[in-house]
Each structure stands twice: as structure tokens, then as C-alpha cells.
């Protein structure tokens, strides 16, 4: 069973697919001539510019999400650590109670 991809991984895959398609267009563009070749070259140039823009926007968005995640994680870390300690203490108390009930 394949692992589920994150949103970032899906977008990265899509960007790679777009790059592959651009490369295919470049190869096809080499085979044609005349006005069709000019149209294909123009489209390739447009696709490359849009791909670069998409990649830049993706990187910016990913950086923002990672920064926000790290800020929130740092903010919540003391609370999580305290909660873990309370959980451990509570669990120890439960175990002690069970031992007393069992007479050990």
C-alpha cells in the first residue's frame, strides 16, 4: 500500500510533470517548421515563465507554512511537555492504586 502524499508532495509532483511536458513540447517543436514552430516556441516560453512563477509561489507558501508550524510547535512545546509529565504522574498513581488493590 502506497503512503499518502502530503499536499506539498503532490504539488511538487505536479510541477515535475509540468517540466516533463515542457520538455516534450521542446522536442516536438524541433520537428516542426515555419509559423507552427514560432507558435510552439512562444508557448514553451510562456509555460517556462509560468512554471517558474508557480515554483516560486510554491516555495514561498511552503516556507510560510513551515515557519508557522515551527512557531506554533515552539509555542506549544512547554504545554505538551507539562502535559506529558502530568500524564506520567497520573499513570504512576494508577499503577500504585492497582498494586495496593492486589495487595503487593
Protein backbone atom coordinates (compact mmCIF):
# COMPACT_ATOMS: atom_id res chain seq x y z
CA UNK A 1 0.00 0.00 0.00
CA UNK A 2 1.45 3.36 -1.04
CA UNK A 3 1.88 6.06 1.56
CA UNK A 4 -0.43 9.03 1.20
CA UNK A 5 1.34 12.07 -0.22
CA UNK A 6 1.21 15.40 1.54
CA UNK A 7 -0.15 18.44 -0.25
CA UNK A 8 3.38 19.71 -0.77
CA UNK A 9 4.49 16.42 -2.28
CA UNK A 10 1.51 16.42 -4.64
CA UNK A 11 2.31 19.96 -5.82
CA UNK A 12 5.97 19.08 -6.28
CA UNK A 13 4.93 16.08 -8.38
CA UNK A 14 2.66 18.29 -10.48
CA UNK A 15 5.50 20.76 -11.04
CA UNK A 16 7.76 17.92 -12.13
CA UNK A 17 5.04 16.73 -14.54
CA UNK A 18 4.76 20.24 -15.97
CA UNK A 19 8.53 20.28 -16.50
CA UNK A 20 8.31 16.95 -18.31
CA UNK A 21 5.52 18.26 -20.56
CA UNK A 22 7.55 21.35 -21.39
CA UNK A 23 10.50 19.17 -22.36
CA UNK A 24 8.18 17.08 -24.59
CA UNK A 25 6.93 20.26 -26.28
CA UNK A 26 10.51 21.37 -26.88
CA UNK A 27 11.28 18.05 -28.58
CA UNK A 28 8.13 18.28 -30.73
CA UNK A 29 8.94 21.90 -31.55
CA UNK A 30 12.24 20.83 -33.03
CA UNK A 31 10.40 18.63 -35.53
CA UNK A 32 8.07 21.30 -36.95
CA UNK A 33 8.89 24.33 -39.01
CA UNK A 34 7.55 27.69 -40.08
CA UNK A 35 4.79 29.51 -38.25
CA UNK A 36 3.87 26.46 -36.16
CA UNK A 37 7.41 26.39 -34.78
CA UNK A 38 7.17 30.05 -33.77
CA UNK A 39 3.85 29.40 -32.02
CA UNK A 40 5.27 26.40 -30.18
CA UNK A 41 8.38 28.34 -29.14
CA UNK A 42 6.20 31.15 -27.81
CA UNK A 43 4.05 28.69 -25.85
CA UNK A 44 7.13 26.99 -24.47
CA UNK A 45 8.49 30.33 -23.31
CA UNK A 46 5.15 31.16 -21.66
CA UNK A 47 4.99 27.75 -19.98
CA UNK A 48 8.52 28.11 -18.64
CA UNK A 49 7.72 31.54 -17.19
CA UNK A 50 4.51 30.27 -15.60
CA UNK A 51 6.31 27.21 -14.25
CA UNK A 52 8.97 29.43 -12.67
CA UNK A 53 6.26 31.62 -11.16
CA UNK A 54 4.41 28.57 -9.81
CA UNK A 55 7.59 27.15 -8.33
CA UNK A 56 8.43 30.48 -6.68
CA UNK A 57 4.93 30.83 -5.23
CA UNK A 58 5.02 27.22 -4.04
CA UNK A 59 8.36 27.76 -2.28
CA UNK A 60 7.08 30.93 -0.60
CA UNK A 61 3.91 29.18 0.56
CA UNK A 62 5.81 26.17 1.83
CA UNK A 63 8.23 28.41 3.75
CA UNK A 64 5.32 30.29 5.36
CA UNK A 65 3.61 27.07 6.42
CA UNK A 66 6.84 25.64 7.83
CA UNK A 67 7.57 28.87 9.71
CA UNK A 68 4.05 28.96 11.17
CA UNK A 69 4.29 25.27 12.12
CA UNK A 70 7.63 25.82 13.86
CA UNK A 71 6.35 28.90 15.70
CA UNK A 72 3.27 27.07 16.93
CA UNK A 73 5.30 24.00 17.84
CA UNK A 74 7.69 26.11 19.91
CA UNK A 75 4.73 27.87 21.48
CA UNK A 76 3.00 24.61 22.39
CA UNK A 77 6.10 22.62 23.40
CA UNK A 78 6.10 23.73 27.07
CA UNK A 79 2.41 22.82 27.39
CA UNK A 80 2.95 19.44 25.74
CA UNK A 81 5.91 18.69 27.99
CA UNK A 82 3.92 19.63 31.08
CA UNK A 83 1.00 17.51 29.90
CA UNK A 84 3.31 14.55 29.34
CA UNK A 85 4.66 14.90 32.87
CA UNK A 86 1.13 15.07 34.32
CA UNK A 87 0.18 12.00 32.29
CA UNK A 88 3.20 10.07 33.62
CA UNK A 89 2.43 11.07 37.21
CA UNK A 90 -1.21 10.10 36.80
CA UNK A 91 -0.24 6.76 35.30
CA UNK A 92 2.15 6.10 38.20
CA UNK A 93 -0.67 6.83 40.65
CA UNK A 94 -2.98 4.41 38.82
CA UNK A 95 -0.30 1.70 38.91
CA UNK A 96 0.25 2.31 42.62
CA UNK A 97 -3.50 2.02 43.22
CA UNK A 98 -3.67 -1.25 41.29
CA UNK A 99 -0.72 -2.62 43.30
CA UNK A 100 -2.45 -1.75 46.56
CA UNK A 101 -5.68 -3.39 45.40
CA UNK A 102 -3.79 -6.54 44.51
CA UNK A 103 -2.02 -6.48 47.85
CA UNK A 104 1.52 -6.14 46.56
